[in-house]
Amino acid sequence: MVKLKIRAVGTSAGVILPKEALTHLGVHEGDELFLVETPNGYEVTPYDPEFEKQLQSARKGMDAYKNTLRELAK
């Protein structure tokens, strides 16, 4: 567990993530993080949840047309 303190950043508020948390998330300064609401609260993640939805849709399409795609790949 890491305790974070909310700090003023101009007219907004923010938190400072310790180096260990950045390393664990696999992110660097300038990268984007997403705050995702879950049944247990909020989750901070480097993965875009909208992209995940698009990827799942693409997988369904690829599964439905795998033989056609295999032929096109020749």
PDB file of N, CA and C in Angstrom:
ATOM      1  N   MET A   1       0.844  -1.174   0.000  1.00  0.00           N
ATOM      2  CA  MET A   1       0.000   0.000   0.000  1.00  0.00           C
ATOM      3  C   MET A   1       0.888   1.236   0.000  1.00  0.00           C
ATOM      4  N   VAL A   2       0.486   2.221  -0.777  1.00  0.00           N
ATOM      5  CA  VAL A   2       1.198   3.493  -0.851  1.00  0.00           C
ATOM      6  C   VAL A   2       0.209   4.588  -0.486  1.00  0.00           C
ATOM      7  N   LYS A   3       0.586   5.418   0.476  1.00  0.00           N
ATOM      8  CA  LYS A   3      -0.268   6.525   0.892  1.00  0.00           C
ATOM      9  C   LYS A   3       0.110   7.750   0.061  1.00  0.00           C
ATOM     10  N   LEU A   4      -0.893   8.363  -0.589  1.00  0.00           N
ATOM     11  CA  LEU A   4      -0.661   9.534  -1.421  1.00  0.00           C
ATOM     12  C   LEU A   4      -1.364  10.736  -0.820  1.00  0.00           C
ATOM     13  N   LYS A   5      -0.782  11.905  -1.018  1.00  0.00           N
ATOM     14  CA  LYS A   5      -1.380  13.135  -0.523  1.00  0.00           C
ATOM     15  C   LYS A   5      -1.804  13.981  -1.719  1.00  0.00           C
ATOM     16  N   ILE A   6      -3.015  14.516  -1.672  1.00  0.00           N
ATOM     17  CA  ILE A   6      -3.505  15.384  -2.732  1.00  0.00           C
ATOM     18  C   ILE A   6      -2.885  16.757  -2.546  1.00  0.00           C
ATOM     19  N   ARG A   7      -2.329  17.291  -3.648  1.00  0.00           N
ATOM     20  CA  ARG A   7      -1.659  18.593  -3.601  1.00  0.00           C
ATOM     21  C   ARG A   7      -2.248  19.520  -4.659  1.00  0.00           C
ATOM     22  N   ALA A   8      -2.151  20.811  -4.391  1.00  0.00           N
ATOM     23  CA  ALA A   8      -2.605  21.802  -5.356  1.00  0.00           C
ATOM     24  C   ALA A   8      -1.634  21.839  -6.531  1.00  0.00           C
ATOM     25  N   VAL A   9      -2.197  21.859  -7.743  1.00  0.00           N
ATOM     26  CA  VAL A   9      -1.411  21.993  -8.968  1.00  0.00           C
ATOM     27  C   VAL A   9      -2.125  23.066  -9.785  1.00  0.00           C
ATOM     28  N   GLY A  10      -1.683  24.296  -9.652  1.00  0.00           N
ATOM     29  CA  GLY A  10      -2.387  25.411 -10.282  1.00  0.00           C
ATOM     30  C   GLY A  10      -3.767  25.523  -9.679  1.00  0.00           C
ATOM     31  N   THR A  11      -4.795  25.506 -10.520  1.00  0.00           N
ATOM     32  CA  THR A  11      -6.170  25.588 -10.015  1.00  0.00           C
ATOM     33  C   THR A  11      -6.798  24.200  -9.887  1.00  0.00           C
ATOM     34  N   SER A  12      -5.987  23.156 -10.106  1.00  0.00           N
ATOM     35  CA  SER A  12      -6.460  21.774  -9.987  1.00  0.00           C
ATOM     36  C   SER A  12      -5.807  21.112  -8.791  1.00  0.00           C
ATOM     37  N   ALA A  13      -5.991  19.804  -8.684  1.00  0.00           N
ATOM     38  CA  ALA A  13      -5.352  19.028  -7.624  1.00  0.00           C
ATOM     39  C   ALA A  13      -4.703  17.813  -8.269  1.00  0.00           C
ATOM     40  N   GLY A  14      -3.677  17.285  -7.639  1.00  0.00           N
ATOM     41  CA  GLY A  14      -2.998  16.121  -8.184  1.00  0.00           C
ATOM     42  C   GLY A  14      -2.298  15.341  -7.098  1.00  0.00           C
ATOM     43  N   VAL A  15      -1.775  14.199  -7.480  1.00  0.00           N
ATOM     44  CA  VAL A  15      -0.990  13.372  -6.565  1.00  0.00           C
ATOM     45  C   VAL A  15       0.356  13.086  -7.210  1.00  0.00           C
ATOM     46  N   ILE A  16       1.346  12.879  -6.402  1.00  0.00           N
ATOM     47  CA  ILE A  16       2.680  12.522  -6.862  1.00  0.00           C
ATOM     48  C   ILE A  16       2.828  11.017  -6.664  1.00  0.00           C
ATOM     49  N   LEU A  17       3.154  10.295  -7.745  1.00  0.00           N
ATOM     50  CA  LEU A  17       3.366   8.851  -7.637  1.00  0.00           C
ATOM     51  C   LEU A  17       4.833   8.577  -7.374  1.00  0.00           C
ATOM     52  N   PRO A  18       5.131   7.765  -6.373  1.00  0.00           N
ATOM     53  CA  PRO A  18       6.531   7.437  -6.101  1.00  0.00           C
ATOM     54  C   PRO A  18       7.137   6.608  -7.231  1.00  0.00           C
ATOM     55  N   LYS A  19       8.450   6.638  -7.308  1.00  0.00           N
ATOM     56  CA  LYS A  19       9.178   5.939  -8.363  1.00  0.00           C
ATOM     57  C   LYS A  19       8.803   4.458  -8.426  1.00  0.00           C
ATOM     58  N   GLU A  20       8.624   3.826  -7.274  1.00  0.00           N
ATOM     59  CA  GLU A  20       8.272   2.404  -7.228  1.00  0.00           C
ATOM     60  C   GLU A  20       6.927   2.146  -7.902  1.00  0.00           C
ATOM     61  N   ALA A  21       5.959   3.056  -7.701  1.00  0.00           N
ATOM     62  CA  ALA A  21       4.640   2.897  -8.317  1.00  0.00           C
ATOM     63  C   ALA A  21       4.735   3.062  -9.832  1.00  0.00           C
ATOM     64  N   LEU A  22       5.541   4.029 -10.286  1.00  0.00           N
ATOM     65  CA  LEU A  22       5.728   4.232 -11.731  1.00  0.00           C
ATOM     66  C   LEU A  22       6.370   3.005 -12.366  1.00  0.00           C
ATOM     67  N   THR A  23       7.351   2.444 -11.683  1.00  0.00           N
ATOM     68  CA  THR A  23       8.017   1.245 -12.189  1.00  0.00           C
ATOM     69  C   THR A  23       7.039   0.079 -12.254  1.00  0.00           C
ATOM     70  N   HIS A  24       6.250  -0.084 -11.217  1.00  0.00           N
ATOM     71  CA  HIS A  24       5.262  -1.180 -11.179  1.00  0.00           C
ATOM     72  C   HIS A  24       4.235  -1.038 -12.301  1.00  0.00           C
ATOM     73  N   LEU A  25       3.816   0.195 -12.586  1.00  0.00           N
ATOM     74  CA  LEU A  25       2.848   0.439 -13.652  1.00  0.00           C
ATOM     75  C   LEU A  25       3.497   0.395 -15.033  1.00  0.00           C
ATOM     76  N   GLY A  26       4.816   0.501 -15.074  1.00  0.00           N
ATOM     77  CA  GLY A  26       5.529   0.493 -16.357  1.00  0.00           C
ATOM     78  C   GLY A  26       5.362   1.787 -17.129  1.00  0.00           C
ATOM     79  N   VAL A  27       5.273   2.907 -16.419  1.00  0.00           N
ATOM     80  CA  VAL A  27       5.080   4.205 -17.065  1.00  0.00           C
ATOM     81  C   VAL A  27       6.215   5.159 -16.708  1.00  0.00           C
ATOM     82  N   HIS A  28       6.308   6.215 -17.509  1.00  0.00           N
ATOM     83  CA  HIS A  28       7.319   7.245 -17.310  1.00  0.00           C
ATOM     84  C   HIS A  28       6.636   8.609 -17.375  1.00  0.00           C
ATOM     85  N   GLU A  29       7.372   9.629 -17.015  1.00  0.00           N
ATOM     86  CA  GLU A  29       6.846  10.986 -17.069  1.00  0.00           C
ATOM     87  C   GLU A  29       6.348  11.286 -18.486  1.00  0.00           C
ATOM     88  N   GLY A  30       5.138  11.821 -18.585  1.00  0.00           N
ATOM     89  CA  GLY A  30       4.548  12.139 -19.877  1.00  0.00           C
ATOM     90  C   GLY A  30       3.591  11.079 -20.393  1.00  0.00           C
ATOM     91  N   ASP A  31       3.657   9.864 -19.844  1.00  0.00           N
ATOM     92  CA  ASP A  31       2.727   8.802 -20.244  1.00  0.00           C
ATOM     93  C   ASP A  31       1.337   9.107 -19.697  1.00  0.00           C
ATOM     94  N   GLU A  32       0.326   8.475 -20.271  1.00  0.00           N
ATOM     95  CA  GLU A  32      -1.041   8.638 -19.798  1.00  0.00           C
ATOM     96  C   GLU A  32      -1.422   7.500 -18.861  1.00  0.00           C
ATOM     97  N   LEU A  33      -2.198   7.836 -17.839  1.00  0.00           N
ATOM     98  CA  LEU A  33      -2.805   6.845 -16.955  1.00  0.00           C
ATOM     99  C   LEU A  33      -4.311   7.037 -17.015  1.00  0.00           C
ATOM    100  N   PHE A  34      -5.050   5.975 -16.760  1.00  0.00           N
ATOM    101  CA  PHE A  34      -6.505   6.021 -16.794  1.00  0.00           C
ATOM    102  C   PHE A  34      -7.035   5.670 -15.416  1.00  0.00           C
ATOM    103  N   LEU A  35      -7.998   6.445 -14.953  1.00  0.00           N
ATOM    104  CA  LEU A  35      -8.674   6.196 -13.685  1.00  0.00           C
ATOM    105  C   LEU A  35     -10.000   5.536 -14.030  1.00  0.00           C
ATOM    106  N   VAL A  36     -10.121   4.250 -13.708  1.00  0.00           N
ATOM    107  CA  VAL A  36     -11.275   3.446 -14.108  1.00  0.00           C
ATOM    108  C   VAL A  36     -12.104   3.101 -12.887  1.00  0.00           C
ATOM    109  N   GLU A  37     -13.408   3.375 -12.973  1.00  0.00           N
ATOM    110  CA  GLU A  37     -14.303   3.028 -11.868  1.00  0.00           C
ATOM    111  C   GLU A  37     -14.606   1.533 -11.921  1.00  0.00           C
ATOM    112  N   THR A  38     -14.423   0.854 -10.797  1.00  0.00           N
ATOM    113  CA  THR A  38     -14.689  -0.577 -10.687  1.00  0.00           C
ATOM    114  C   THR A  38     -15.680  -0.797  -9.534  1.00  0.00           C
ATOM    115  N   PRO A  39     -16.207  -1.995  -9.383  1.00  0.00           N
ATOM    116  CA  PRO A  39     -17.119  -2.258  -8.252  1.00  0.00           C
ATOM    117  C   PRO A  39     -16.453  -2.029  -6.892  1.00  0.00           C
ATOM    118  N   ASN A  40     -15.128  -2.133  -6.845  1.00  0.00           N
ATOM    119  CA  ASN A  40     -14.409  -1.966  -5.573  1.00  0.00           C
ATOM    120  C   ASN A  40     -13.855  -0.567  -5.387  1.00  0.00           C
ATOM    121  N   GLY A  41     -14.170   0.365  -6.254  1.00  0.00           N
ATOM    122  CA  GLY A  41     -13.642   1.721  -6.158  1.00  0.00           C
ATOM    123  C   GLY A  41     -13.020   2.121  -7.483  1.00  0.00           C
ATOM    124  N   TYR A  42     -11.882   2.815  -7.432  1.00  0.00           N
ATOM    125  CA  TYR A  42     -11.202   3.252  -8.640  1.00  0.00           C
ATOM    126  C   TYR A  42      -9.887   2.509  -8.809  1.00  0.00           C
ATOM    127  N   GLU A  43      -9.499   2.307 -10.060  1.00  0.00           N
ATOM    128  CA  GLU A  43      -8.249   1.637 -10.390  1.00  0.00           C
ATOM    129  C   GLU A  43      -7.452   2.559 -11.315  1.00  0.00           C
ATOM    130  N   VAL A  44      -6.165   2.701 -11.041  1.00  0.00           N
ATOM    131  CA  VAL A  44      -5.268   3.464 -11.907  1.00  0.00           C
ATOM    132  C   VAL A  44      -4.544   2.472 -12.793  1.00  0.00           C
ATOM    133  N   THR A  45      -4.636   2.683 -14.112  1.00  0.00           N
ATOM    134  CA  THR A  45      -4.043   1.737 -15.046  1.00  0.00           C
ATOM    135  C   THR A  45      -3.457   2.466 -16.252  1.00  0.00           C
ATOM    136  N   PRO A  46      -2.394   1.927 -16.845  1.00  0.00           N
ATOM    137  CA  PRO A  46      -1.862   2.527 -18.068  1.00  0.00           C
ATOM    138  C   PRO A  46      -2.613   2.056 -19.314  1.00  0.00           C
ATOM    139  N   TYR A  47      -3.564   1.142 -19.159  1.00  0.00           N
ATOM    140  CA  TYR A  47      -4.266   0.563 -20.294  1.00  0.00           C
ATOM    141  C   TYR A  47      -5.582   1.291 -20.542  1.00  0.00           C
ATOM    142  N   ASP A  48      -5.815   1.677 -21.781  1.00  0.00           N
ATOM    143  CA  ASP A  48      -7.013   2.401 -22.174  1.00  0.00           C
ATOM    144  C   ASP A  48      -8.191   1.432 -22.240  1.00  0.00           C
ATOM    145  N   PRO A  49      -9.205   1.589 -21.379  1.00  0.00           N
ATOM    146  CA  PRO A  49     -10.334   0.651 -21.378  1.00  0.00           C
ATOM    147  C   PRO A  49     -11.134   0.698 -22.686  1.00  0.00           C
ATOM    148  N   GLU A  50     -11.179   1.828 -23.367  1.00  0.00           N
ATOM    149  CA  GLU A  50     -11.898   1.920 -24.645  1.00  0.00           C
ATOM    150  C   GLU A  50     -11.183   1.093 -25.710  1.00  0.00           C
ATOM    151  N   PHE A  51      -9.854   1.110 -25.699  1.00  0.00           N
ATOM    152  CA  PHE A  51      -9.096   0.307 -26.654  1.00  0.00           C
ATOM    153  C   PHE A  51      -9.354  -1.178 -26.416  1.00  0.00           C
ATOM    154  N   GLU A  52      -9.469  -1.570 -25.162  1.00  0.00           N
ATOM    155  CA  GLU A  52      -9.749  -2.972 -24.831  1.00  0.00           C
ATOM    156  C   GLU A  52     -11.091  -3.399 -25.419  1.00  0.00           C
ATOM    157  N   LYS A  53     -12.106  -2.540 -25.345  1.00  0.00           N
ATOM    158  CA  LYS A  53     -13.413  -2.853 -25.926  1.00  0.00           C
ATOM    159  C   LYS A  53     -13.302  -3.028 -27.444  1.00  0.00           C
ATOM    160  N   GLN A  54     -12.530  -2.149 -28.087  1.00  0.00           N
ATOM    161  CA  GLN A  54     -12.347  -2.243 -29.531  1.00  0.00           C
ATOM    162  C   GLN A  54     -11.612  -3.523 -29.904  1.00  0.00           C
ATOM    163  N   LEU A  55     -10.628  -3.889 -29.094  1.00  0.00           N
ATOM    164  CA  LEU A  55      -9.864  -5.101 -29.345  1.00  0.00           C
ATOM    165  C   LEU A  55     -10.747  -6.340 -29.217  1.00  0.00           C
ATOM    166  N   GLN A  56     -11.615  -6.379 -28.223  1.00  0.00           N
ATOM    167  CA  GLN A  56     -12.530  -7.507 -28.062  1.00  0.00           C
ATOM    168  C   GLN A  56     -13.462  -7.633 -29.265  1.00  0.00           C
ATOM    169  N   SER A  57     -13.937  -6.503 -29.767  1.00  0.00           N
ATOM    170  CA  SER A  57     -14.793  -6.513 -30.947  1.00  0.00           C
ATOM    171  C   SER A  57     -14.038  -7.039 -32.158  1.00  0.00           C
ATOM    172  N   ALA A  58     -12.794  -6.623 -32.327  1.00  0.00           N
ATOM    173  CA  ALA A  58     -11.974  -7.100 -33.447  1.00  0.00           C
ATOM    174  C   ALA A  58     -11.718  -8.599 -33.340  1.00  0.00           C
ATOM    175  N   ARG A  59     -11.479  -9.079 -32.121  1.00  0.00           N
ATOM    176  CA  ARG A  59     -11.253 -10.522 -31.935  1.00  0.00           C
ATOM    177  C   ARG A  59     -12.486 -11.330 -32.344  1.00  0.00           C
ATOM    178  N   LYS A  60     -13.675 -10.840 -32.001  1.00  0.00           N
ATOM    179  CA  LYS A  60     -14.905 -11.533 -32.388  1.00  0.00           C
ATOM    180  C   LYS A  60     -15.012 -11.613 -33.908  1.00  0.00           C
ATOM    181  N   GLY A  61     -14.702 -10.503 -34.583  1.00  0.00           N
ATOM    182  CA  GLY A  61     -14.752 -10.483 -36.036  1.00  0.00           C
ATOM    183  C   GLY A  61     -13.724 -11.420 -36.652  1.00  0.00           C
ATOM    184  N   MET A  62     -12.522 -11.450 -36.075  1.00  0.00           N
ATOM    185  CA  MET A  62     -11.481 -12.338 -36.592  1.00  0.00           C
ATOM    186  C   MET A  62     -11.857 -13.798 -36.378  1.00  0.00           C
ATOM    187  N   ASP A  63     -12.486 -14.101 -35.245  1.00  0.00           N
ATOM    188  CA  ASP A  63     -12.932 -15.483 -34.987  1.00  0.00           C
ATOM    189  C   ASP A  63     -14.012 -15.896 -35.981  1.00  0.00           C
ATOM    190  N   ALA A  64     -14.935 -14.975 -36.268  1.00  0.00           N
ATOM    191  CA  ALA A  64     -16.039 -15.289 -37.173  1.00  0.00           C
ATOM    192  C   ALA A  64     -15.558 -15.497 -38.608  1.00  0.00           C
ATOM    193  N   TYR A  65     -14.485 -14.816 -38.997  1.00  0.00           N
ATOM    194  CA  TYR A  65     -14.005 -14.881 -40.378  1.00  0.00           C
ATOM    195  C   TYR A  65     -12.587 -15.419 -40.476  1.00  0.00           C
ATOM    196  N   LYS A  66     -12.194 -16.304 -39.543  1.00  0.00           N
ATOM    197  CA  LYS A  66     -10.807 -16.767 -39.527  1.00  0.00           C
ATOM    198  C   LYS A  66     -10.410 -17.502 -40.806  1.00  0.00           C
ATOM    199  N   ASN A  67     -11.303 -18.296 -41.387  1.00  0.00           N
ATOM    200  CA  ASN A  67     -10.966 -19.011 -42.629  1.00  0.00           C
ATOM    201  C   ASN A  67     -10.767 -18.022 -43.780  1.00  0.00           C
ATOM    202  N   THR A  68     -11.633 -17.035 -43.863  1.00  0.00           N
ATOM    203  CA  THR A  68     -11.506 -16.018 -44.907  1.00  0.00           C
ATOM    204  C   THR A  68     -10.211 -15.246 -44.739  1.00  0.00           C
ATOM    205  N   LEU A  69      -9.901 -14.846 -43.520  1.00  0.00           N
ATOM    206  CA  LEU A  69      -8.670 -14.107 -43.267  1.00  0.00           C
ATOM    207  C   LEU A  69      -7.437 -14.951 -43.577  1.00  0.00           C
ATOM    208  N   ARG A  70      -7.501 -16.243 -43.283  1.00  0.00           N
ATOM    209  CA  ARG A  70      -6.388 -17.141 -43.574  1.00  0.00           C
ATOM    210  C   ARG A  70      -6.143 -17.191 -45.082  1.00  0.00           C
ATOM    211  N   GLU A  71      -7.223 -17.272 -45.865  1.00  0.00           N
ATOM    212  CA  GLU A  71      -7.101 -17.307 -47.330  1.00  0.00           C
ATOM    213  C   GLU A  71      -6.547 -15.984 -47.864  1.00  0.00           C
ATOM    214  N   LEU A  72      -7.009 -14.887 -47.316  1.00  0.00           N
ATOM    215  CA  LEU A  72      -6.529 -13.570 -47.761  1.00  0.00           C
ATOM    216  C   LEU A  72      -5.052 -13.371 -47.429  1.00  0.00           C
ATOM    217  N   ALA A  73      -4.572 -14.013 -46.389  1.00  0.00           N
ATOM    218  CA  ALA A  73      -3.185 -13.847 -45.957  1.00  0.00           C
ATOM    219  C   ALA A  73      -2.203 -14.597 -46.865  1.00  0.00           C
ATOM    220  N   LYS A  74      -2.714 -15.482 -47.721  1.00  0.00           N
ATOM    221  CA  LYS A  74      -1.820 -16.264 -48.607  1.00  0.00           C
ATOM    222  C   LYS A  74      -1.259 -15.417 -49.713  1.00  0.00           C
TER     223      LYS A  74
END
